[in-house]
Amino acid sequence: MAEKSNSSSDDGYTIEEAVEIIDRAIQRKRSEIASLEKKGNRLRNADKKALNNELIEYLRSDMNAYITVIADMSDDETLLEGIDLDADPVPAPSNYSDYLDGLSADDLENEQEAEELRADYCDGVVEDMCLQIGESALRSKQMIKAMLEDPYAMEQLGEIIFYDDYLYDLFRSISEEKPKEKKKDKKKKKKD
């Protein structure tokens, strides 16, 4: 994931390098969209025209997704002007593999690098959000109560603990301590 600093990301890219790779993909897609639009004006076959338009729509959506990542990486919200952030995802058209096959080796490498950087960055953003939500939830008595009443939440929490050796060992040691503490408390009360 690319981080919002000049340091290297998990992939070994600095933020500047990641932005440069993604920006190259954006510029290429702009050029390709312009070429496809010109081609579309010359097409007469309705099916071919529809496929061409689907590819344009997909490339435009893909390009906008890259722009939102760069805007977030560089904290530059001005890049988002004119982009519908609430737009529904556009499915890849049936001729997308033909599009990829038509890319030069350099362009294909750029496409794959940019796609990987975007995916890693988005995964990192989601991880950060989940971490913040988790911390806030565990600090809220109301949320803890709600989670205790939700079997799915309890199952997910139990699964996390079960598959993490450290957490599971800690859980077991805490679970074993509690009965001993209760017995000691009862003995103290009887002495008083």
N, C-alpha and C. Protein backbone atom coordinates (compact mmCIF):
# COMPACT_ATOMS: atom_id res chain seq x y z
N MET A 1 0.84 -1.19 0.00
CA MET A 1 0.00 0.00 0.00
C MET A 1 0.88 1.24 0.00
N ALA A 2 0.53 2.20 -0.77
CA ALA A 2 1.24 3.47 -0.77
C ALA A 2 0.79 4.27 0.44
N GLU A 3 1.70 4.86 1.13
CA GLU A 3 1.36 5.65 2.31
C GLU A 3 1.44 7.12 1.97
N LYS A 4 0.77 7.93 2.78
CA LYS A 4 0.76 9.37 2.54
C LYS A 4 2.02 10.00 3.10
N SER A 5 3.15 9.56 2.57
CA SER A 5 4.44 10.13 2.96
C SER A 5 5.41 9.86 1.82
N ASN A 6 6.62 10.30 1.99
CA ASN A 6 7.62 10.08 0.96
C ASN A 6 8.30 8.73 1.13
N SER A 7 7.92 7.99 2.17
CA SER A 7 8.57 6.71 2.42
C SER A 7 8.11 5.67 1.41
N SER A 8 8.82 4.56 1.40
CA SER A 8 8.47 3.47 0.48
C SER A 8 7.22 2.78 0.96
N SER A 9 6.44 2.30 -0.01
CA SER A 9 5.25 1.53 0.31
C SER A 9 5.65 0.07 0.47
N ASP A 10 4.66 -0.80 0.77
CA ASP A 10 4.92 -2.22 0.89
C ASP A 10 5.44 -2.79 -0.43
N ASP A 11 5.07 -2.17 -1.55
CA ASP A 11 5.52 -2.62 -2.87
C ASP A 11 6.87 -2.04 -3.24
N GLY A 12 7.46 -1.20 -2.39
CA GLY A 12 8.75 -0.60 -2.68
C GLY A 12 8.66 0.70 -3.44
N TYR A 13 7.47 1.25 -3.61
CA TYR A 13 7.30 2.52 -4.32
C TYR A 13 7.16 3.67 -3.34
N THR A 14 7.75 4.80 -3.67
CA THR A 14 7.48 6.01 -2.90
C THR A 14 6.12 6.52 -3.35
N ILE A 15 5.55 7.43 -2.60
CA ILE A 15 4.25 8.00 -2.98
C ILE A 15 4.36 8.67 -4.35
N GLU A 16 5.48 9.34 -4.60
CA GLU A 16 5.67 10.02 -5.88
C GLU A 16 5.72 9.01 -7.02
N GLU A 17 6.43 7.90 -6.82
CA GLU A 17 6.51 6.86 -7.86
C GLU A 17 5.14 6.25 -8.13
N ALA A 18 4.40 5.98 -7.06
CA ALA A 18 3.07 5.40 -7.22
C ALA A 18 2.16 6.35 -7.99
N VAL A 19 2.19 7.62 -7.62
CA VAL A 19 1.37 8.62 -8.32
C VAL A 19 1.78 8.71 -9.78
N GLU A 20 3.08 8.66 -10.05
CA GLU A 20 3.56 8.74 -11.43
C GLU A 20 3.07 7.55 -12.27
N ILE A 21 3.12 6.36 -11.70
CA ILE A 21 2.66 5.16 -12.42
C ILE A 21 1.17 5.25 -12.70
N ILE A 22 0.41 5.64 -11.70
CA ILE A 22 -1.04 5.73 -11.87
C ILE A 22 -1.39 6.87 -12.83
N ASP A 23 -0.69 7.99 -12.73
CA ASP A 23 -0.95 9.11 -13.64
C ASP A 23 -0.67 8.72 -15.09
N ARG A 24 0.36 7.92 -15.30
CA ARG A 24 0.67 7.45 -16.65
C ARG A 24 -0.51 6.63 -17.20
N ALA A 25 -1.11 5.79 -16.35
CA ALA A 25 -2.28 5.00 -16.77
C ALA A 25 -3.46 5.91 -17.09
N ILE A 26 -3.63 6.96 -16.28
CA ILE A 26 -4.74 7.92 -16.51
C ILE A 26 -4.56 8.61 -17.85
N GLN A 27 -3.37 9.10 -18.11
CA GLN A 27 -3.11 9.81 -19.37
C GLN A 27 -3.32 8.89 -20.57
N ARG A 28 -2.86 7.65 -20.43
CA ARG A 28 -3.03 6.68 -21.52
C ARG A 28 -4.51 6.41 -21.77
N LYS A 29 -5.27 6.26 -20.69
CA LYS A 29 -6.71 6.00 -20.84
C LYS A 29 -7.42 7.20 -21.48
N ARG A 30 -7.01 8.41 -21.14
CA ARG A 30 -7.60 9.59 -21.78
C ARG A 30 -7.39 9.54 -23.29
N SER A 31 -6.18 9.20 -23.68
CA SER A 31 -5.85 9.12 -25.10
C SER A 31 -6.64 8.00 -25.77
N GLU A 32 -6.73 6.87 -25.10
CA GLU A 32 -7.47 5.73 -25.66
C GLU A 32 -8.96 6.05 -25.80
N ILE A 33 -9.51 6.74 -24.82
CA ILE A 33 -10.92 7.11 -24.88
C ILE A 33 -11.16 8.04 -26.07
N ALA A 34 -10.27 9.01 -26.26
CA ALA A 34 -10.40 9.93 -27.40
C ALA A 34 -10.36 9.15 -28.72
N SER A 35 -9.44 8.19 -28.82
CA SER A 35 -9.34 7.38 -30.04
C SER A 35 -10.59 6.53 -30.25
N LEU A 36 -11.10 5.95 -29.18
CA LEU A 36 -12.30 5.12 -29.29
C LEU A 36 -13.53 5.96 -29.66
N GLU A 37 -13.58 7.19 -29.15
CA GLU A 37 -14.69 8.07 -29.52
C GLU A 37 -14.66 8.41 -31.01
N LYS A 38 -13.46 8.67 -31.52
CA LYS A 38 -13.32 8.94 -32.97
C LYS A 38 -13.72 7.70 -33.77
N LYS A 39 -13.26 6.55 -33.30
CA LYS A 39 -13.60 5.29 -33.98
C LYS A 39 -15.11 5.07 -33.96
N GLY A 40 -15.72 5.36 -32.80
CA GLY A 40 -17.17 5.17 -32.65
C GLY A 40 -17.98 6.01 -33.62
N ASN A 41 -17.48 7.20 -33.94
CA ASN A 41 -18.19 8.06 -34.89
C ASN A 41 -18.20 7.46 -36.29
N ARG A 42 -17.21 6.62 -36.59
CA ARG A 42 -17.13 6.01 -37.92
C ARG A 42 -17.86 4.67 -38.00
N LEU A 43 -18.15 4.05 -36.86
CA LEU A 43 -18.79 2.74 -36.86
C LEU A 43 -20.25 2.84 -37.30
N ARG A 44 -20.66 1.90 -38.10
CA ARG A 44 -22.05 1.86 -38.58
C ARG A 44 -22.81 0.68 -37.97
N ASN A 45 -22.10 -0.40 -37.68
CA ASN A 45 -22.73 -1.58 -37.10
C ASN A 45 -23.14 -1.27 -35.66
N ALA A 46 -24.41 -1.46 -35.35
CA ALA A 46 -24.96 -1.10 -34.03
C ALA A 46 -24.30 -1.90 -32.90
N ASP A 47 -24.05 -3.19 -33.14
CA ASP A 47 -23.43 -4.03 -32.10
C ASP A 47 -22.00 -3.59 -31.81
N LYS A 48 -21.24 -3.30 -32.87
CA LYS A 48 -19.86 -2.85 -32.69
C LYS A 48 -19.83 -1.48 -32.02
N LYS A 49 -20.77 -0.64 -32.37
CA LYS A 49 -20.85 0.70 -31.77
C LYS A 49 -21.17 0.58 -30.27
N ALA A 50 -22.10 -0.34 -29.94
CA ALA A 50 -22.46 -0.56 -28.53
C ALA A 50 -21.26 -1.08 -27.73
N LEU A 51 -20.53 -2.04 -28.31
CA LEU A 51 -19.33 -2.56 -27.63
C LEU A 51 -18.28 -1.48 -27.43
N ASN A 52 -18.10 -0.66 -28.44
CA ASN A 52 -17.16 0.45 -28.36
C ASN A 52 -17.57 1.41 -27.24
N ASN A 53 -18.85 1.73 -27.16
CA ASN A 53 -19.35 2.63 -26.11
C ASN A 53 -19.20 2.02 -24.72
N GLU A 54 -19.42 0.71 -24.61
CA GLU A 54 -19.24 0.03 -23.32
C GLU A 54 -17.78 0.10 -22.88
N LEU A 55 -16.87 -0.08 -23.82
CA LEU A 55 -15.45 0.00 -23.49
C LEU A 55 -15.07 1.41 -23.08
N ILE A 56 -15.60 2.40 -23.78
CA ILE A 56 -15.34 3.81 -23.41
C ILE A 56 -15.85 4.08 -21.99
N GLU A 57 -17.06 3.64 -21.71
CA GLU A 57 -17.64 3.86 -20.38
C GLU A 57 -16.81 3.18 -19.30
N TYR A 58 -16.35 1.98 -19.58
CA TYR A 58 -15.53 1.25 -18.61
C TYR A 58 -14.18 1.95 -18.39
N LEU A 59 -13.53 2.34 -19.47
CA LEU A 59 -12.23 3.02 -19.35
C LEU A 59 -12.38 4.34 -18.61
N ARG A 60 -13.46 5.06 -18.87
CA ARG A 60 -13.71 6.33 -18.18
C ARG A 60 -13.91 6.08 -16.68
N SER A 61 -14.68 5.06 -16.35
CA SER A 61 -14.91 4.71 -14.94
C SER A 61 -13.60 4.29 -14.27
N ASP A 62 -12.81 3.49 -14.98
CA ASP A 62 -11.53 3.03 -14.47
C ASP A 62 -10.59 4.21 -14.23
N MET A 63 -10.58 5.12 -15.20
CA MET A 63 -9.74 6.32 -15.10
C MET A 63 -10.17 7.16 -13.88
N ASN A 64 -11.46 7.32 -13.69
CA ASN A 64 -11.96 8.09 -12.53
C ASN A 64 -11.57 7.43 -11.21
N ALA A 65 -11.58 6.10 -11.19
CA ALA A 65 -11.17 5.39 -9.97
C ALA A 65 -9.69 5.67 -9.68
N TYR A 66 -8.87 5.69 -10.72
CA TYR A 66 -7.45 6.02 -10.54
C TYR A 66 -7.28 7.45 -10.04
N ILE A 67 -8.07 8.36 -10.58
CA ILE A 67 -7.98 9.76 -10.16
C ILE A 67 -8.34 9.91 -8.69
N THR A 68 -9.36 9.19 -8.23
CA THR A 68 -9.74 9.29 -6.81
C THR A 68 -8.63 8.77 -5.90
N VAL A 69 -7.91 7.75 -6.35
CA VAL A 69 -6.80 7.23 -5.56
C VAL A 69 -5.68 8.27 -5.48
N ILE A 70 -5.35 8.87 -6.62
CA ILE A 70 -4.30 9.91 -6.61
C ILE A 70 -4.73 11.09 -5.74
N ALA A 71 -6.00 11.47 -5.83
CA ALA A 71 -6.49 12.58 -5.00
C ALA A 71 -6.32 12.27 -3.52
N ASP A 72 -6.61 11.02 -3.15
CA ASP A 72 -6.47 10.63 -1.75
C ASP A 72 -5.00 10.53 -1.35
N MET A 73 -4.19 9.93 -2.21
CA MET A 73 -2.76 9.79 -1.91
C MET A 73 -2.09 11.14 -1.71
N SER A 74 -2.47 12.10 -2.54
CA SER A 74 -1.80 13.40 -2.52
C SER A 74 -2.59 14.46 -1.75
N ASP A 75 -3.71 14.06 -1.15
CA ASP A 75 -4.59 14.99 -0.42
C ASP A 75 -4.97 16.19 -1.28
N ASP A 76 -5.27 15.94 -2.54
CA ASP A 76 -5.64 17.00 -3.48
C ASP A 76 -7.07 16.78 -3.97
N GLU A 77 -8.02 17.34 -3.23
CA GLU A 77 -9.44 17.15 -3.56
C GLU A 77 -9.84 17.86 -4.85
N THR A 78 -9.03 18.79 -5.34
CA THR A 78 -9.37 19.49 -6.58
C THR A 78 -9.38 18.52 -7.77
N LEU A 79 -8.67 17.41 -7.65
CA LEU A 79 -8.65 16.42 -8.73
C LEU A 79 -10.01 15.75 -8.91
N LEU A 80 -10.84 15.84 -7.88
CA LEU A 80 -12.14 15.16 -7.92
C LEU A 80 -13.24 15.99 -8.59
N GLU A 81 -12.92 17.22 -8.96
CA GLU A 81 -13.92 18.07 -9.59
C GLU A 81 -14.40 17.45 -10.89
N GLY A 82 -15.72 17.36 -11.01
CA GLY A 82 -16.33 16.79 -12.22
C GLY A 82 -16.47 15.28 -12.20
N ILE A 83 -16.04 14.64 -11.13
CA ILE A 83 -16.16 13.17 -11.03
C ILE A 83 -17.33 12.84 -10.12
N ASP A 84 -18.22 11.97 -10.60
CA ASP A 84 -19.36 11.52 -9.81
C ASP A 84 -18.88 10.41 -8.87
N LEU A 85 -18.67 10.75 -7.62
CA LEU A 85 -18.14 9.79 -6.66
C LEU A 85 -19.18 8.75 -6.24
N ASP A 86 -20.45 9.01 -6.53
CA ASP A 86 -21.51 8.07 -6.17
C ASP A 86 -21.94 7.20 -7.34
N ALA A 87 -21.21 7.27 -8.44
CA ALA A 87 -21.57 6.49 -9.63
C ALA A 87 -21.46 5.00 -9.33
N ASP A 88 -22.37 4.24 -9.93
CA ASP A 88 -22.32 2.79 -9.78
C ASP A 88 -21.11 2.25 -10.54
N PRO A 89 -20.54 1.14 -10.04
CA PRO A 89 -19.41 0.53 -10.76
C PRO A 89 -19.85 0.10 -12.17
N VAL A 90 -18.94 0.22 -13.10
CA VAL A 90 -19.23 -0.17 -14.48
C VAL A 90 -18.59 -1.53 -14.71
N PRO A 91 -19.39 -2.52 -15.13
CA PRO A 91 -18.80 -3.85 -15.37
C PRO A 91 -17.88 -3.84 -16.58
N ALA A 92 -16.88 -4.70 -16.54
CA ALA A 92 -15.97 -4.81 -17.68
C ALA A 92 -16.74 -5.34 -18.89
N PRO A 93 -16.58 -4.71 -20.03
CA PRO A 93 -17.29 -5.17 -21.22
C PRO A 93 -16.70 -6.48 -21.74
N SER A 94 -17.45 -7.15 -22.59
CA SER A 94 -17.00 -8.44 -23.13
C SER A 94 -15.73 -8.31 -23.96
N ASN A 95 -15.46 -7.13 -24.51
CA ASN A 95 -14.27 -6.95 -25.33
C ASN A 95 -13.08 -6.39 -24.55
N TYR A 96 -13.15 -6.42 -23.21
CA TYR A 96 -12.06 -5.87 -22.41
C TYR A 96 -10.77 -6.68 -22.57
N SER A 97 -10.89 -8.01 -22.68
CA SER A 97 -9.67 -8.82 -22.85
C SER A 97 -9.02 -8.51 -24.20
N ASP A 98 -9.84 -8.20 -25.22
CA ASP A 98 -9.28 -7.79 -26.51
C ASP A 98 -8.53 -6.47 -26.36
N TYR A 99 -9.10 -5.58 -25.56
CA TYR A 99 -8.45 -4.29 -25.28
C TYR A 99 -7.08 -4.52 -24.65
N LEU A 100 -7.04 -5.38 -23.61
CA LEU A 100 -5.77 -5.66 -22.93
C LEU A 100 -4.77 -6.31 -23.88
N ASP A 101 -5.25 -7.22 -24.72
CA ASP A 101 -4.36 -7.88 -25.68
C ASP A 101 -3.78 -6.88 -26.68
N GLY A 102 -4.48 -5.80 -26.92
CA GLY A 102 -4.02 -4.80 -27.88
C GLY A 102 -3.03 -3.80 -27.31
N LEU A 103 -2.81 -3.85 -26.00
CA LEU A 103 -1.85 -2.92 -25.39
C LEU A 103 -0.42 -3.36 -25.69
N SER A 104 0.46 -2.38 -25.82
CA SER A 104 1.88 -2.69 -25.99
C SER A 104 2.39 -3.30 -24.68
N ALA A 105 3.56 -3.92 -24.71
CA ALA A 105 4.13 -4.54 -23.51
C ALA A 105 4.31 -3.50 -22.40
N ASP A 106 4.79 -2.30 -22.76
CA ASP A 106 4.99 -1.24 -21.76
C ASP A 106 3.66 -0.78 -21.17
N ASP A 107 2.66 -0.61 -22.03
CA ASP A 107 1.34 -0.16 -21.56
C ASP A 107 0.67 -1.22 -20.70
N LEU A 108 0.84 -2.49 -21.06
CA LEU A 108 0.27 -3.57 -20.26
C LEU A 108 0.94 -3.63 -18.90
N GLU A 109 2.25 -3.47 -18.87
CA GLU A 109 2.98 -3.45 -17.60
C GLU A 109 2.50 -2.28 -16.73
N ASN A 110 2.33 -1.11 -17.35
CA ASN A 110 1.83 0.05 -16.62
C ASN A 110 0.42 -0.21 -16.09
N GLU A 111 -0.42 -0.82 -16.91
CA GLU A 111 -1.80 -1.13 -16.50
C GLU A 111 -1.79 -2.04 -15.29
N GLN A 112 -0.98 -3.07 -15.33
CA GLN A 112 -0.92 -4.03 -14.22
C GLN A 112 -0.34 -3.40 -12.96
N GLU A 113 0.71 -2.59 -13.10
CA GLU A 113 1.29 -1.91 -11.94
C GLU A 113 0.29 -0.95 -11.31
N ALA A 114 -0.36 -0.15 -12.16
CA ALA A 114 -1.32 0.84 -11.66
C ALA A 114 -2.48 0.14 -10.96
N GLU A 115 -2.95 -0.95 -11.55
CA GLU A 115 -4.06 -1.70 -10.96
C GLU A 115 -3.68 -2.27 -9.60
N GLU A 116 -2.47 -2.81 -9.52
CA GLU A 116 -1.99 -3.37 -8.26
C GLU A 116 -1.83 -2.28 -7.19
N LEU A 117 -1.26 -1.15 -7.59
CA LEU A 117 -1.10 -0.04 -6.65
C LEU A 117 -2.45 0.45 -6.14
N ARG A 118 -3.41 0.59 -7.06
CA ARG A 118 -4.75 1.04 -6.66
C ARG A 118 -5.38 0.04 -5.69
N ALA A 119 -5.30 -1.24 -6.01
CA ALA A 119 -5.89 -2.26 -5.15
C ALA A 119 -5.24 -2.26 -3.77
N ASP A 120 -3.91 -2.20 -3.74
CA ASP A 120 -3.20 -2.19 -2.45
C ASP A 120 -3.55 -0.95 -1.64
N TYR A 121 -3.62 0.19 -2.32
CA TYR A 121 -3.94 1.44 -1.62
C TYR A 121 -5.35 1.37 -1.05
N CYS A 122 -6.30 0.91 -1.86
CA CYS A 122 -7.69 0.81 -1.40
C CYS A 122 -7.82 -0.18 -0.25
N ASP A 123 -7.11 -1.31 -0.34
CA ASP A 123 -7.11 -2.27 0.76
C ASP A 123 -6.58 -1.62 2.04
N GLY A 124 -5.53 -0.83 1.90
CA GLY A 124 -4.95 -0.14 3.06
C GLY A 124 -5.91 0.86 3.66
N VAL A 125 -6.64 1.58 2.82
CA VAL A 125 -7.63 2.55 3.31
C VAL A 125 -8.72 1.82 4.09
N VAL A 126 -9.20 0.70 3.55
CA VAL A 126 -10.24 -0.07 4.23
C VAL A 126 -9.71 -0.63 5.55
N GLU A 127 -8.47 -1.13 5.55
CA GLU A 127 -7.88 -1.63 6.79
C GLU A 127 -7.80 -0.54 7.84
N ASP A 128 -7.37 0.66 7.45
CA ASP A 128 -7.28 1.78 8.38
C ASP A 128 -8.66 2.14 8.94
N MET A 129 -9.67 2.16 8.06
CA MET A 129 -11.03 2.47 8.51
C MET A 129 -11.52 1.42 9.49
N CYS A 130 -11.28 0.14 9.18
CA CYS A 130 -11.72 -0.94 10.06
C CYS A 130 -11.02 -0.86 11.41
N LEU A 131 -9.75 -0.50 11.40
CA LEU A 131 -9.01 -0.35 12.65
C LEU A 131 -9.63 0.75 13.51
N GLN A 132 -9.93 1.89 12.89
CA GLN A 132 -10.54 3.00 13.63
C GLN A 132 -11.93 2.62 14.15
N ILE A 133 -12.71 1.94 13.32
CA ILE A 133 -14.05 1.51 13.74
C ILE A 133 -13.93 0.54 14.91
N GLY A 134 -13.00 -0.42 14.79
CA GLY A 134 -12.81 -1.41 15.85
C GLY A 134 -12.42 -0.77 17.17
N GLU A 135 -11.47 0.17 17.11
CA GLU A 135 -11.05 0.86 18.33
C GLU A 135 -12.21 1.62 18.96
N SER A 136 -12.96 2.34 18.14
CA SER A 136 -14.10 3.11 18.66
C SER A 136 -15.16 2.18 19.23
N ALA A 137 -15.42 1.07 18.55
CA ALA A 137 -16.44 0.13 19.01
C ALA A 137 -16.07 -0.46 20.37
N LEU A 138 -14.80 -0.81 20.55
CA LEU A 138 -14.38 -1.41 21.81
C LEU A 138 -14.32 -0.41 22.96
N ARG A 139 -14.35 0.86 22.64
CA ARG A 139 -14.38 1.90 23.68
C ARG A 139 -15.81 2.32 24.02
N SER A 140 -16.78 1.79 23.30
CA SER A 140 -18.17 2.18 23.50
C SER A 140 -18.95 1.06 24.18
N LYS A 141 -19.46 1.33 25.37
CA LYS A 141 -20.26 0.33 26.09
C LYS A 141 -21.49 -0.06 25.28
N GLN A 142 -22.07 0.92 24.60
CA GLN A 142 -23.25 0.66 23.77
C GLN A 142 -22.93 -0.30 22.63
N MET A 143 -21.78 -0.10 21.98
CA MET A 143 -21.40 -0.98 20.88
C MET A 143 -21.04 -2.37 21.38
N ILE A 144 -20.38 -2.45 22.52
CA ILE A 144 -20.03 -3.76 23.08
C ILE A 144 -21.31 -4.53 23.39
N LYS A 145 -22.28 -3.85 23.98
CA LYS A 145 -23.56 -4.51 24.27
C LYS A 145 -24.23 -4.98 22.98
N ALA A 146 -24.23 -4.13 21.96
CA ALA A 146 -24.84 -4.50 20.67
C ALA A 146 -24.12 -5.70 20.05
N MET A 147 -22.79 -5.72 20.15
CA MET A 147 -22.04 -6.84 19.59
C MET A 147 -22.31 -8.13 20.36
N LEU A 148 -22.44 -8.01 21.68
CA LEU A 148 -22.75 -9.20 22.48
C LEU A 148 -24.10 -9.80 22.12
N GLU A 149 -24.99 -8.98 21.63
CA GLU A 149 -26.33 -9.44 21.24
C GLU A 149 -26.38 -9.90 19.78
N ASP A 150 -25.29 -9.76 19.06
CA ASP A 150 -25.25 -10.12 17.64
C ASP A 150 -24.43 -11.40 17.46
N PRO A 151 -25.08 -12.52 17.17
CA PRO A 151 -24.34 -13.79 17.04
C PRO A 151 -23.25 -13.74 15.96
N TYR A 152 -23.51 -13.06 14.86
CA TYR A 152 -22.51 -12.97 13.79
C TYR A 152 -21.28 -12.23 14.28
N ALA A 153 -21.47 -11.12 14.98
CA ALA A 153 -20.34 -10.34 15.49
C ALA A 153 -19.53 -11.19 16.48
N MET A 154 -20.23 -11.94 17.34
CA MET A 154 -19.53 -12.79 18.31
C MET A 154 -18.75 -13.89 17.60
N GLU A 155 -19.34 -14.46 16.56
CA GLU A 155 -18.66 -15.50 15.80
C GLU A 155 -17.39 -14.94 15.15
N GLN A 156 -17.50 -13.75 14.55
CA GLN A 156 -16.34 -13.14 13.89
C GLN A 156 -15.25 -12.82 14.91
N LEU A 157 -15.63 -12.29 16.05
CA LEU A 157 -14.66 -11.98 17.09
C LEU A 157 -14.00 -13.26 17.61
N GLY A 158 -14.82 -14.29 17.84
CA GLY A 158 -14.28 -15.57 18.28
C GLY A 158 -13.32 -16.16 17.27
N GLU A 159 -13.65 -16.04 16.00
CA GLU A 159 -12.79 -16.56 14.94
C GLU A 159 -11.45 -15.82 14.91
N ILE A 160 -11.50 -14.51 15.07
CA ILE A 160 -10.26 -13.72 15.10
C ILE A 160 -9.37 -14.19 16.24
N ILE A 161 -9.96 -14.37 17.41
CA ILE A 161 -9.19 -14.80 18.58
C ILE A 161 -8.67 -16.21 18.39
N PHE A 162 -9.51 -17.10 17.88
CA PHE A 162 -9.13 -18.51 17.71
C PHE A 162 -7.95 -18.67 16.78
N TYR A 163 -7.91 -17.92 15.69
CA TYR A 163 -6.85 -18.09 14.70
C TYR A 163 -5.61 -17.24 14.96
N ASP A 164 -5.62 -16.43 15.99
CA ASP A 164 -4.44 -15.63 16.34
C ASP A 164 -3.82 -16.27 17.60
N ASP A 165 -2.64 -16.86 17.46
CA ASP A 165 -2.03 -17.60 18.57
C ASP A 165 -1.89 -16.75 19.82
N TYR A 166 -1.41 -15.51 19.66
CA TYR A 166 -1.21 -14.65 20.82
C TYR A 166 -2.55 -14.36 21.52
N LEU A 167 -3.55 -13.94 20.73
CA LEU A 167 -4.85 -13.62 21.33
C LEU A 167 -5.49 -14.86 21.96
N TYR A 168 -5.35 -16.00 21.31
CA TYR A 168 -5.96 -17.21 21.85
C TYR A 168 -5.30 -17.62 23.16
N ASP A 169 -3.96 -17.55 23.20
CA ASP A 169 -3.25 -17.88 24.45
C ASP A 169 -3.64 -16.91 25.55
N LEU A 170 -3.73 -15.64 25.22
CA LEU A 170 -4.14 -14.63 26.20
C LEU A 170 -5.56 -14.90 26.68
N PHE A 171 -6.45 -15.19 25.74
CA PHE A 171 -7.85 -15.51 26.08
C PHE A 171 -7.91 -16.70 27.05
N ARG A 172 -7.15 -17.74 26.74
CA ARG A 172 -7.17 -18.94 27.60
C ARG A 172 -6.64 -18.62 28.99
N SER A 173 -5.57 -17.82 29.06
CA SER A 173 -5.01 -17.51 30.38
C SER A 173 -5.97 -16.64 31.18
N ILE A 174 -6.64 -15.72 30.52
CA ILE A 174 -7.63 -14.87 31.20
C ILE A 174 -8.81 -15.71 31.64
N SER A 175 -9.26 -16.61 30.79
CA SER A 175 -10.40 -17.47 31.11
C SER A 175 -10.10 -18.36 32.30
N GLU A 176 -8.87 -18.84 32.40
CA GLU A 176 -8.49 -19.71 33.51
C GLU A 176 -8.33 -18.92 34.80
N GLU A 177 -7.97 -17.65 34.73
CA GLU A 177 -7.78 -16.82 35.92
C GLU A 177 -9.11 -16.43 36.56
N LYS A 178 -10.12 -16.17 35.79
CA LYS A 178 -11.38 -15.64 36.33
C LYS A 178 -12.01 -16.55 37.37
N PRO A 179 -12.12 -17.86 37.14
CA PRO A 179 -12.73 -18.70 38.19
C PRO A 179 -11.95 -18.65 39.49
N LYS A 180 -10.62 -18.60 39.42
CA LYS A 180 -9.80 -18.54 40.63
C LYS A 180 -10.07 -17.25 41.39
N GLU A 181 -10.20 -16.13 40.66
CA GLU A 181 -10.45 -14.84 41.30
C GLU A 181 -11.80 -14.85 42.01
N LYS A 182 -12.81 -15.46 41.38
CA LYS A 182 -14.14 -15.51 41.99
C LYS A 182 -14.11 -16.32 43.28
N LYS A 183 -13.37 -17.44 43.28
CA LYS A 183 -13.27 -18.27 44.48
C LYS A 183 -12.60 -17.49 45.60
N LYS A 184 -11.56 -16.73 45.29
CA LYS A 184 -10.86 -15.93 46.30
C LYS A 184 -11.80 -14.87 46.86
N ASP A 185 -12.59 -14.23 46.00
CA ASP A 185 -13.52 -13.21 46.46
C ASP A 185 -14.55 -13.81 47.40
N LYS A 186 -15.06 -15.01 47.09
CA LYS A 186 -16.04 -15.67 47.95
C LYS A 186 -15.43 -16.01 49.31
N LYS A 187 -14.16 -16.49 49.32
CA LYS A 187 -13.49 -16.82 50.56
C LYS A 187 -13.32 -15.58 51.42
N LYS A 188 -12.98 -14.44 50.80
CA LYS A 188 -12.81 -13.19 51.54
C LYS A 188 -14.11 -12.76 52.17
N LYS A 189 -15.21 -12.91 51.44
CA LYS A 189 -16.52 -12.50 51.95
C LYS A 189 -16.92 -13.36 53.14
N LYS A 190 -16.62 -14.68 53.09
CA LYS A 190 -16.97 -15.58 54.18
C LYS A 190 -16.19 -15.24 55.44
N LYS A 191 -14.92 -14.81 55.29
CA LYS A 191 -14.09 -14.46 56.46
C LYS A 191 -14.62 -13.20 57.13
N ASP A 192 -15.19 -12.29 56.34
CA ASP A 192 -15.67 -11.03 56.92
C ASP A 192 -16.94 -11.29 57.64
